[in-house]
N, C-alpha and C. Protein backbone atom coordinates (compact mmCIF):
# COMPACT_ATOMS: atom_id res chain seq x y z
N UNK A 1 120.92 110.45 84.97
CA UNK A 1 119.90 110.20 83.95
C UNK A 1 119.56 111.52 83.26
N UNK A 2 119.62 111.53 81.96
CA UNK A 2 119.30 112.72 81.19
C UNK A 2 117.79 112.92 81.16
N UNK A 3 117.35 114.13 81.48
CA UNK A 3 115.91 114.45 81.41
C UNK A 3 115.47 114.47 79.96
N UNK A 4 114.19 114.16 79.75
CA UNK A 4 113.62 114.16 78.40
C UNK A 4 112.58 115.25 78.25
N UNK A 5 112.38 115.66 77.01
CA UNK A 5 111.35 116.64 76.70
C UNK A 5 110.00 116.09 77.16
N UNK A 6 109.20 116.94 77.79
CA UNK A 6 107.93 116.49 78.38
C UNK A 6 106.79 116.47 77.37
N UNK A 7 106.01 115.39 77.42
CA UNK A 7 104.82 115.25 76.58
C UNK A 7 103.86 114.30 77.28
N UNK A 8 102.61 114.31 76.79
CA UNK A 8 101.65 113.31 77.23
C UNK A 8 101.09 112.63 76.00
N UNK A 9 100.84 111.34 76.12
CA UNK A 9 100.30 110.58 75.00
C UNK A 9 98.79 110.81 74.96
N UNK A 10 98.29 111.27 73.83
CA UNK A 10 96.86 111.50 73.62
C UNK A 10 96.20 110.22 73.13
N UNK A 11 96.88 109.54 72.20
CA UNK A 11 96.33 108.30 71.64
C UNK A 11 97.47 107.43 71.14
N UNK A 12 97.33 106.14 71.33
CA UNK A 12 98.31 105.19 70.84
C UNK A 12 97.72 104.43 69.66
N UNK A 13 98.42 104.46 68.55
CA UNK A 13 98.04 103.70 67.36
C UNK A 13 98.93 102.46 67.30
N UNK A 14 98.74 101.63 66.30
CA UNK A 14 99.52 100.40 66.17
C UNK A 14 101.03 100.68 66.15
N UNK A 15 101.48 101.64 65.32
CA UNK A 15 102.91 101.87 65.14
C UNK A 15 103.40 103.26 65.50
N UNK A 16 102.52 104.10 66.06
CA UNK A 16 102.94 105.44 66.43
C UNK A 16 102.02 106.00 67.51
N UNK A 17 102.43 107.16 68.05
CA UNK A 17 101.63 107.83 69.08
C UNK A 17 101.26 109.23 68.63
N UNK A 18 100.13 109.69 69.13
CA UNK A 18 99.73 111.09 69.01
C UNK A 18 100.05 111.69 70.37
N UNK A 19 100.87 112.74 70.37
CA UNK A 19 101.37 113.32 71.62
C UNK A 19 101.09 114.82 71.70
N UNK A 20 100.98 115.28 72.93
CA UNK A 20 100.94 116.72 73.18
C UNK A 20 102.22 117.08 73.93
N UNK A 21 103.08 117.85 73.26
CA UNK A 21 104.32 118.30 73.86
C UNK A 21 104.06 119.56 74.67
N UNK A 22 104.68 119.63 75.83
CA UNK A 22 104.51 120.78 76.72
C UNK A 22 105.34 121.96 76.21
N UNK A 23 104.93 123.18 76.56
CA UNK A 23 105.73 124.35 76.16
C UNK A 23 107.16 124.20 76.68
N UNK A 24 108.10 124.68 75.91
CA UNK A 24 109.50 124.60 76.32
C UNK A 24 110.31 125.66 75.59
N UNK A 25 111.56 125.75 75.96
CA UNK A 25 112.50 126.64 75.28
C UNK A 25 113.56 125.75 74.65
N UNK A 26 113.92 126.08 73.42
CA UNK A 26 115.01 125.34 72.77
C UNK A 26 116.15 126.29 72.46
N UNK A 27 117.35 125.73 72.46
CA UNK A 27 118.53 126.42 71.95
C UNK A 27 118.77 125.79 70.58
N UNK A 28 118.85 126.62 69.55
CA UNK A 28 118.83 126.11 68.17
C UNK A 28 119.94 126.74 67.34
N UNK A 29 120.48 125.93 66.44
CA UNK A 29 121.48 126.41 65.48
C UNK A 29 121.01 125.99 64.09
N UNK A 30 120.98 126.96 63.18
CA UNK A 30 120.63 126.67 61.78
C UNK A 30 121.93 126.36 61.04
N UNK A 31 121.94 125.23 60.33
CA UNK A 31 123.14 124.86 59.59
C UNK A 31 122.77 124.50 58.15
N UNK A 32 123.69 124.78 57.27
CA UNK A 32 123.58 124.34 55.88
C UNK A 32 124.58 123.22 55.72
N UNK A 33 124.06 121.99 55.73
CA UNK A 33 124.92 120.81 55.66
C UNK A 33 124.07 119.63 55.23
N UNK A 34 124.72 118.58 54.80
CA UNK A 34 124.02 117.36 54.46
C UNK A 34 123.54 116.65 55.71
N UNK A 35 122.69 115.65 55.52
CA UNK A 35 122.10 114.91 56.64
C UNK A 35 123.17 114.40 57.61
N UNK A 36 124.20 113.77 57.07
CA UNK A 36 125.18 113.10 57.93
C UNK A 36 126.04 114.05 58.74
N UNK A 37 126.16 115.30 58.32
CA UNK A 37 127.02 116.23 59.07
C UNK A 37 126.27 117.35 59.78
N UNK A 38 124.96 117.47 59.57
CA UNK A 38 124.20 118.60 60.15
C UNK A 38 124.26 118.62 61.67
N UNK A 39 123.96 117.49 62.31
CA UNK A 39 123.93 117.46 63.77
C UNK A 39 125.31 117.74 64.36
N UNK A 40 126.34 117.12 63.79
CA UNK A 40 127.68 117.35 64.35
C UNK A 40 128.16 118.77 64.09
N UNK A 41 127.72 119.39 62.99
CA UNK A 41 128.11 120.77 62.69
C UNK A 41 127.56 121.73 63.74
N UNK A 42 126.39 121.43 64.28
CA UNK A 42 125.76 122.32 65.26
C UNK A 42 126.03 121.91 66.71
N UNK A 43 126.37 120.67 66.93
CA UNK A 43 126.47 120.15 68.29
C UNK A 43 127.46 120.94 69.16
N UNK A 44 128.62 121.27 68.62
CA UNK A 44 129.64 121.99 69.40
C UNK A 44 129.13 123.31 69.94
N UNK A 45 128.45 124.07 69.09
CA UNK A 45 127.91 125.37 69.53
C UNK A 45 126.86 125.20 70.61
N UNK A 46 125.98 124.19 70.44
CA UNK A 46 124.93 123.95 71.43
C UNK A 46 125.52 123.45 72.74
N UNK A 47 126.46 122.51 72.65
CA UNK A 47 127.07 121.97 73.86
C UNK A 47 127.84 123.05 74.60
N UNK A 48 128.53 123.90 73.86
CA UNK A 48 129.25 125.00 74.48
C UNK A 48 128.29 125.93 75.23
N UNK A 49 127.12 126.20 74.64
CA UNK A 49 126.14 127.07 75.30
C UNK A 49 125.73 126.51 76.66
N UNK A 50 125.42 125.21 76.74
CA UNK A 50 124.98 124.64 78.03
C UNK A 50 126.16 124.39 78.98
N UNK A 51 127.39 124.45 78.46
CA UNK A 51 128.60 124.25 79.27
C UNK A 51 129.27 125.57 79.60
N UNK A 52 128.47 126.52 80.03
CA UNK A 52 128.92 127.84 80.47
C UNK A 52 129.31 128.79 79.34
N UNK A 53 128.99 128.44 78.09
CA UNK A 53 129.28 129.32 76.97
C UNK A 53 128.15 130.31 76.75
N UNK A 54 127.84 131.03 77.84
CA UNK A 54 126.75 132.00 77.79
C UNK A 54 127.12 133.21 78.62
N UNK A 55 126.33 134.25 78.55
CA UNK A 55 126.67 135.55 79.15
C UNK A 55 126.88 135.50 80.66
N UNK A 56 126.27 134.51 81.35
CA UNK A 56 126.45 134.43 82.80
C UNK A 56 127.33 133.24 83.21
N UNK A 57 127.94 132.58 82.24
CA UNK A 57 128.78 131.39 82.48
C UNK A 57 128.04 130.34 83.32
N UNK A 58 126.77 130.21 83.06
CA UNK A 58 125.91 129.27 83.79
C UNK A 58 125.93 127.91 83.10
N UNK A 59 126.07 126.84 83.89
CA UNK A 59 125.97 125.49 83.36
C UNK A 59 124.49 125.14 83.31
N UNK A 60 124.04 124.58 82.19
CA UNK A 60 122.64 124.22 81.98
C UNK A 60 122.58 122.72 81.76
N UNK A 61 121.65 122.05 82.42
CA UNK A 61 121.55 120.59 82.32
C UNK A 61 121.27 120.15 80.89
N UNK A 62 121.88 119.04 80.51
CA UNK A 62 121.64 118.43 79.19
C UNK A 62 120.29 117.71 79.24
N UNK A 63 119.54 117.80 78.17
CA UNK A 63 118.28 117.07 78.06
C UNK A 63 118.32 116.23 76.78
N UNK A 64 117.42 115.31 76.68
CA UNK A 64 117.30 114.50 75.47
C UNK A 64 115.93 114.78 74.86
N UNK A 65 115.83 114.74 73.59
CA UNK A 65 116.81 114.35 72.58
C UNK A 65 117.56 115.54 72.00
N UNK A 66 118.53 115.23 71.14
CA UNK A 66 119.10 116.23 70.24
C UNK A 66 118.21 116.15 69.01
N UNK A 67 117.66 117.28 68.60
CA UNK A 67 116.68 117.30 67.51
C UNK A 67 117.29 117.92 66.26
N UNK A 68 117.15 117.22 65.15
CA UNK A 68 117.54 117.76 63.84
C UNK A 68 116.24 117.89 63.05
N UNK A 69 115.83 119.13 62.78
CA UNK A 69 114.54 119.37 62.11
C UNK A 69 114.77 119.93 60.71
N UNK A 70 113.85 119.53 59.83
CA UNK A 70 113.90 120.01 58.45
C UNK A 70 112.49 120.16 57.94
N UNK A 71 112.28 121.18 57.13
CA UNK A 71 110.97 121.38 56.49
C UNK A 71 111.08 120.90 55.06
N UNK A 72 110.08 120.14 54.61
CA UNK A 72 110.13 119.59 53.26
C UNK A 72 110.06 120.67 52.19
N UNK A 73 109.57 121.85 52.55
CA UNK A 73 109.48 122.93 51.57
C UNK A 73 110.70 123.86 51.60
N UNK A 74 111.77 123.44 52.28
CA UNK A 74 112.97 124.26 52.32
C UNK A 74 114.12 123.52 51.64
N UNK A 75 115.27 124.13 51.62
CA UNK A 75 116.46 123.54 51.00
C UNK A 75 116.79 122.20 51.65
N UNK A 76 117.24 121.28 50.82
CA UNK A 76 117.60 119.94 51.30
C UNK A 76 118.71 120.00 52.35
N UNK A 77 119.56 121.00 52.26
CA UNK A 77 120.69 121.10 53.17
C UNK A 77 120.48 122.12 54.29
N UNK A 78 119.23 122.50 54.57
CA UNK A 78 118.95 123.44 55.65
C UNK A 78 118.36 122.68 56.84
N UNK A 79 119.09 122.66 57.93
CA UNK A 79 118.69 121.94 59.13
C UNK A 79 118.66 122.88 60.32
N UNK A 80 117.76 122.59 61.26
CA UNK A 80 117.69 123.31 62.54
C UNK A 80 117.96 122.27 63.62
N UNK A 81 119.12 122.38 64.25
CA UNK A 81 119.52 121.42 65.27
C UNK A 81 119.33 122.08 66.63
N UNK A 82 118.69 121.37 67.55
CA UNK A 82 118.38 122.01 68.84
C UNK A 82 118.50 121.08 70.02
N UNK A 83 118.71 121.72 71.16
CA UNK A 83 118.63 121.09 72.49
C UNK A 83 117.40 121.69 73.15
N UNK A 84 116.64 120.87 73.84
CA UNK A 84 115.51 121.35 74.64
C UNK A 84 116.07 121.76 76.00
N UNK A 85 115.74 122.94 76.44
CA UNK A 85 116.21 123.40 77.75
C UNK A 85 115.44 122.66 78.85
N UNK A 86 116.03 122.56 80.05
CA UNK A 86 115.37 121.80 81.12
C UNK A 86 113.95 122.28 81.40
N UNK A 87 113.11 121.34 81.81
CA UNK A 87 111.72 121.63 82.15
C UNK A 87 111.65 122.78 83.14
N UNK A 88 110.73 123.70 82.91
CA UNK A 88 110.57 124.85 83.79
C UNK A 88 111.39 126.06 83.37
N UNK A 89 112.29 125.88 82.39
CA UNK A 89 113.08 127.01 81.90
C UNK A 89 112.16 127.97 81.16
N UNK A 90 112.42 129.25 81.33
CA UNK A 90 111.66 130.25 80.58
C UNK A 90 112.64 131.10 79.78
N UNK A 91 112.16 131.57 78.65
CA UNK A 91 112.99 132.34 77.73
C UNK A 91 113.70 133.48 78.45
N UNK A 92 112.98 134.24 79.24
CA UNK A 92 113.55 135.41 79.90
C UNK A 92 114.54 135.11 81.01
N UNK A 93 114.56 133.86 81.49
CA UNK A 93 115.45 133.51 82.60
C UNK A 93 116.66 132.71 82.18
N UNK A 94 116.78 132.41 80.90
CA UNK A 94 117.97 131.70 80.41
C UNK A 94 119.01 132.72 79.98
N UNK A 95 120.28 132.42 80.22
CA UNK A 95 121.32 133.37 79.81
C UNK A 95 121.45 133.42 78.28
N UNK A 96 121.81 134.59 77.78
CA UNK A 96 122.03 134.75 76.35
C UNK A 96 123.27 133.97 75.93
N UNK A 97 123.23 133.35 74.75
CA UNK A 97 124.40 132.62 74.26
C UNK A 97 125.55 133.56 73.90
N UNK A 98 126.78 133.10 74.08
CA UNK A 98 127.94 133.86 73.61
C UNK A 98 128.10 133.72 72.10
N UNK A 99 127.71 132.58 71.58
CA UNK A 99 127.83 132.28 70.15
C UNK A 99 126.60 132.83 69.42
N UNK A 100 126.79 133.73 68.46
CA UNK A 100 125.64 134.31 67.75
C UNK A 100 124.87 133.29 66.90
N UNK A 101 125.45 132.12 66.65
CA UNK A 101 124.74 131.08 65.89
C UNK A 101 123.69 130.36 66.73
N UNK A 102 123.79 130.47 68.05
CA UNK A 102 122.83 129.81 68.94
C UNK A 102 121.69 130.79 69.21
N UNK A 103 120.48 130.35 68.92
CA UNK A 103 119.29 131.17 69.11
C UNK A 103 118.37 130.47 70.09
N UNK A 104 117.85 131.20 71.08
CA UNK A 104 116.86 130.66 72.01
C UNK A 104 115.48 130.93 71.44
N UNK A 105 114.61 129.93 71.55
CA UNK A 105 113.26 130.08 70.99
C UNK A 105 112.25 129.37 71.88
N UNK A 106 111.12 130.05 72.12
CA UNK A 106 110.00 129.46 72.85
C UNK A 106 109.18 128.57 71.92
N UNK A 107 108.79 127.40 72.40
CA UNK A 107 107.85 126.55 71.67
C UNK A 107 106.59 126.44 72.52
N UNK A 108 105.44 126.67 71.91
CA UNK A 108 104.16 126.53 72.60
C UNK A 108 103.78 125.06 72.68
N UNK A 109 102.68 124.78 73.37
CA UNK A 109 102.13 123.43 73.39
C UNK A 109 101.93 123.01 71.94
N UNK A 110 102.28 121.77 71.65
CA UNK A 110 102.26 121.33 70.27
C UNK A 110 101.80 119.87 70.19
N UNK A 111 100.92 119.59 69.24
CA UNK A 111 100.47 118.22 69.02
C UNK A 111 101.26 117.64 67.85
N UNK A 112 101.82 116.46 68.07
CA UNK A 112 102.67 115.81 67.08
C UNK A 112 102.38 114.31 67.05
N UNK A 113 102.82 113.67 65.98
CA UNK A 113 102.85 112.22 65.96
C UNK A 113 104.31 111.80 66.12
N UNK A 114 104.51 110.62 66.68
CA UNK A 114 105.88 110.16 66.93
C UNK A 114 105.98 108.65 66.73
N UNK A 115 107.09 108.25 66.15
CA UNK A 115 107.39 106.84 65.94
C UNK A 115 108.82 106.60 66.43
N UNK A 116 109.00 105.60 67.25
CA UNK A 116 110.34 105.29 67.74
C UNK A 116 110.97 104.19 66.88
N UNK A 117 112.30 104.18 66.89
CA UNK A 117 113.02 103.11 66.21
C UNK A 117 114.40 102.96 66.82
N UNK A 118 114.94 101.76 66.68
CA UNK A 118 116.28 101.47 67.18
C UNK A 118 117.24 101.42 66.01
N UNK A 119 118.49 101.72 66.30
CA UNK A 119 119.54 101.68 65.29
C UNK A 119 120.13 103.05 65.08
N UNK A 120 121.27 103.08 64.45
CA UNK A 120 121.91 104.36 64.15
C UNK A 120 121.01 105.12 63.18
N UNK A 121 120.70 106.37 63.49
CA UNK A 121 119.79 107.17 62.67
C UNK A 121 120.49 107.67 61.42
N UNK A 122 120.78 106.74 60.52
CA UNK A 122 121.41 107.10 59.25
C UNK A 122 120.39 107.79 58.36
N UNK A 123 120.86 108.38 57.29
CA UNK A 123 119.95 109.04 56.36
C UNK A 123 118.95 108.05 55.78
N UNK A 124 119.43 106.88 55.35
CA UNK A 124 118.54 105.88 54.73
C UNK A 124 117.48 105.38 55.71
N UNK A 125 117.90 105.03 56.94
CA UNK A 125 116.94 104.53 57.93
C UNK A 125 115.95 105.63 58.33
N UNK A 126 116.44 106.83 58.54
CA UNK A 126 115.56 107.94 58.93
C UNK A 126 114.55 108.24 57.83
N UNK A 127 115.00 108.29 56.58
CA UNK A 127 114.08 108.55 55.46
C UNK A 127 113.00 107.47 55.37
N UNK A 128 113.40 106.22 55.56
CA UNK A 128 112.43 105.12 55.51
C UNK A 128 111.38 105.28 56.61
N UNK A 129 111.82 105.63 57.81
CA UNK A 129 110.90 105.80 58.94
C UNK A 129 110.00 107.02 58.75
N UNK A 130 110.53 108.09 58.17
CA UNK A 130 109.73 109.29 57.90
C UNK A 130 108.61 108.96 56.92
N UNK A 131 108.96 108.29 55.83
CA UNK A 131 107.95 107.90 54.83
C UNK A 131 106.90 106.99 55.44
N UNK A 132 107.34 106.05 56.26
CA UNK A 132 106.42 105.12 56.91
C UNK A 132 105.46 105.87 57.84
N UNK A 133 105.98 106.79 58.65
CA UNK A 133 105.15 107.53 59.58
C UNK A 133 104.17 108.44 58.84
N UNK A 134 104.61 109.12 57.81
CA UNK A 134 103.70 109.98 57.03
C UNK A 134 102.60 109.15 56.37
N UNK A 135 102.92 107.95 55.89
CA UNK A 135 101.91 107.07 55.27
C UNK A 135 100.91 106.59 56.32
N UNK A 136 101.38 106.24 57.50
CA UNK A 136 100.48 105.80 58.58
C UNK A 136 99.53 106.92 58.98
N UNK A 137 100.06 108.15 59.07
CA UNK A 137 99.22 109.30 59.42
C UNK A 137 98.16 109.54 58.35
N UNK A 138 98.55 109.40 57.09
CA UNK A 138 97.60 109.61 55.99
C UNK A 138 96.45 108.60 56.07
N UNK A 139 96.76 107.35 56.42
CA UNK A 139 95.72 106.32 56.56
C UNK A 139 94.72 106.67 57.66
N UNK A 140 95.19 107.41 58.66
CA UNK A 140 94.34 107.81 59.79
C UNK A 140 93.74 109.20 59.57
N UNK A 141 93.96 109.78 58.39
CA UNK A 141 93.47 111.13 58.05
C UNK A 141 94.00 112.19 59.00
N UNK A 142 95.27 112.08 59.38
CA UNK A 142 95.92 113.07 60.24
C UNK A 142 96.72 114.00 59.34
N UNK A 143 96.40 115.29 59.38
CA UNK A 143 97.09 116.29 58.56
C UNK A 143 98.37 116.73 59.25
N UNK A 144 99.46 116.64 58.52
CA UNK A 144 100.78 116.94 59.10
C UNK A 144 101.38 118.20 58.49
N UNK A 145 102.26 118.84 59.27
CA UNK A 145 103.01 120.00 58.79
C UNK A 145 104.13 119.50 57.87
N UNK A 146 104.85 120.43 57.28
CA UNK A 146 105.97 120.07 56.40
C UNK A 146 107.25 119.80 57.20
N UNK A 147 107.21 120.02 58.50
CA UNK A 147 108.41 119.84 59.33
C UNK A 147 108.54 118.39 59.79
N UNK A 148 109.76 117.90 59.78
CA UNK A 148 110.06 116.58 60.31
C UNK A 148 111.23 116.71 61.27
N UNK A 149 111.14 116.06 62.41
CA UNK A 149 112.21 116.10 63.42
C UNK A 149 112.78 114.70 63.62
N UNK A 150 114.08 114.61 63.52
CA UNK A 150 114.78 113.36 63.83
C UNK A 150 115.38 113.57 65.21
N UNK A 151 114.90 112.79 66.15
CA UNK A 151 115.28 112.97 67.55
C UNK A 151 116.19 111.83 67.99
N UNK A 152 117.39 112.21 68.39
CA UNK A 152 118.38 111.21 68.82
C UNK A 152 118.54 111.31 70.33
N UNK A 153 118.42 110.16 70.99
CA UNK A 153 118.46 110.13 72.45
C UNK A 153 119.78 109.64 73.03
N UNK A 154 120.61 109.04 72.23
CA UNK A 154 121.84 108.43 72.73
C UNK A 154 123.08 109.09 72.14
N UNK A 155 124.20 109.01 72.89
CA UNK A 155 125.45 109.56 72.36
C UNK A 155 125.93 108.72 71.17
N UNK A 156 126.68 109.34 70.26
CA UNK A 156 127.12 108.63 69.06
C UNK A 156 128.02 107.43 69.33
N UNK A 157 128.68 107.40 70.50
CA UNK A 157 129.58 106.28 70.80
C UNK A 157 128.83 105.03 71.28
N UNK A 158 127.53 105.13 71.57
CA UNK A 158 126.75 103.96 71.94
C UNK A 158 126.60 103.08 70.70
N UNK A 159 126.74 101.77 70.84
CA UNK A 159 126.62 100.91 69.65
C UNK A 159 125.32 101.19 68.89
N UNK A 160 125.44 101.29 67.57
CA UNK A 160 124.32 101.67 66.71
C UNK A 160 123.05 100.88 66.95
N UNK A 161 123.16 99.56 67.09
CA UNK A 161 121.96 98.74 67.25
C UNK A 161 121.24 99.02 68.57
N UNK A 162 121.90 99.67 69.51
CA UNK A 162 121.29 99.99 70.80
C UNK A 162 120.72 101.40 70.86
N UNK A 163 120.98 102.22 69.86
CA UNK A 163 120.55 103.61 69.89
C UNK A 163 119.04 103.72 69.73
N UNK A 164 118.45 104.61 70.53
CA UNK A 164 117.00 104.86 70.50
C UNK A 164 116.77 106.22 69.84
N UNK A 165 115.84 106.25 68.88
CA UNK A 165 115.53 107.47 68.14
C UNK A 165 114.03 107.57 67.94
N UNK A 166 113.60 108.77 67.57
CA UNK A 166 112.19 108.98 67.21
C UNK A 166 112.10 109.91 66.01
N UNK A 167 111.07 109.69 65.21
CA UNK A 167 110.68 110.64 64.19
C UNK A 167 109.45 111.34 64.78
N UNK A 168 109.47 112.67 64.81
CA UNK A 168 108.37 113.46 65.36
C UNK A 168 107.94 114.46 64.29
N UNK A 169 106.63 114.49 64.02
CA UNK A 169 106.10 115.40 63.00
C UNK A 169 104.92 116.17 63.60
N UNK A 170 105.01 117.49 63.63
CA UNK A 170 103.89 118.30 64.14
C UNK A 170 102.67 118.20 63.22
N UNK A 171 101.49 118.29 63.82
CA UNK A 171 100.25 118.34 63.05
C UNK A 171 100.05 119.75 62.52
N UNK A 172 99.21 119.87 61.49
CA UNK A 172 98.87 121.19 60.97
C UNK A 172 98.00 121.94 61.94
């Protein structure tokens, strides 16, 4: 069973949750690519890092989700794709990546809203869910950051209708 990024639910709304994500370390790759190719462009480098592609040849457990993040105030083709390192990992105790495109970064405790959905996380479906979640937050007077995260929990070979995904947006 793949471990998941840790959070606690602060409040449940009709169609989304307000969550507090625990501090963690992510391995991240910045890519300039369109929506459909951003995750796959970065996945190899990230997977190689956790599969002994690091300075100590250490294998690191896979966690879910694979996160593709974008800021609305940045280039349309600028994505940050990341893996969350296993719970309890600390920046100073993780091996340095061999690939210079992989960057380790600490994330502090963070409050976000999240909406889950089933189906292949295509650009059209993801955009629809992002707009829906931002509109729901606005109705509740929740101020959001410009960052949006598309979180994929299943491998691409799983049938699309069975895939579980989330849209996660940090609060301001």
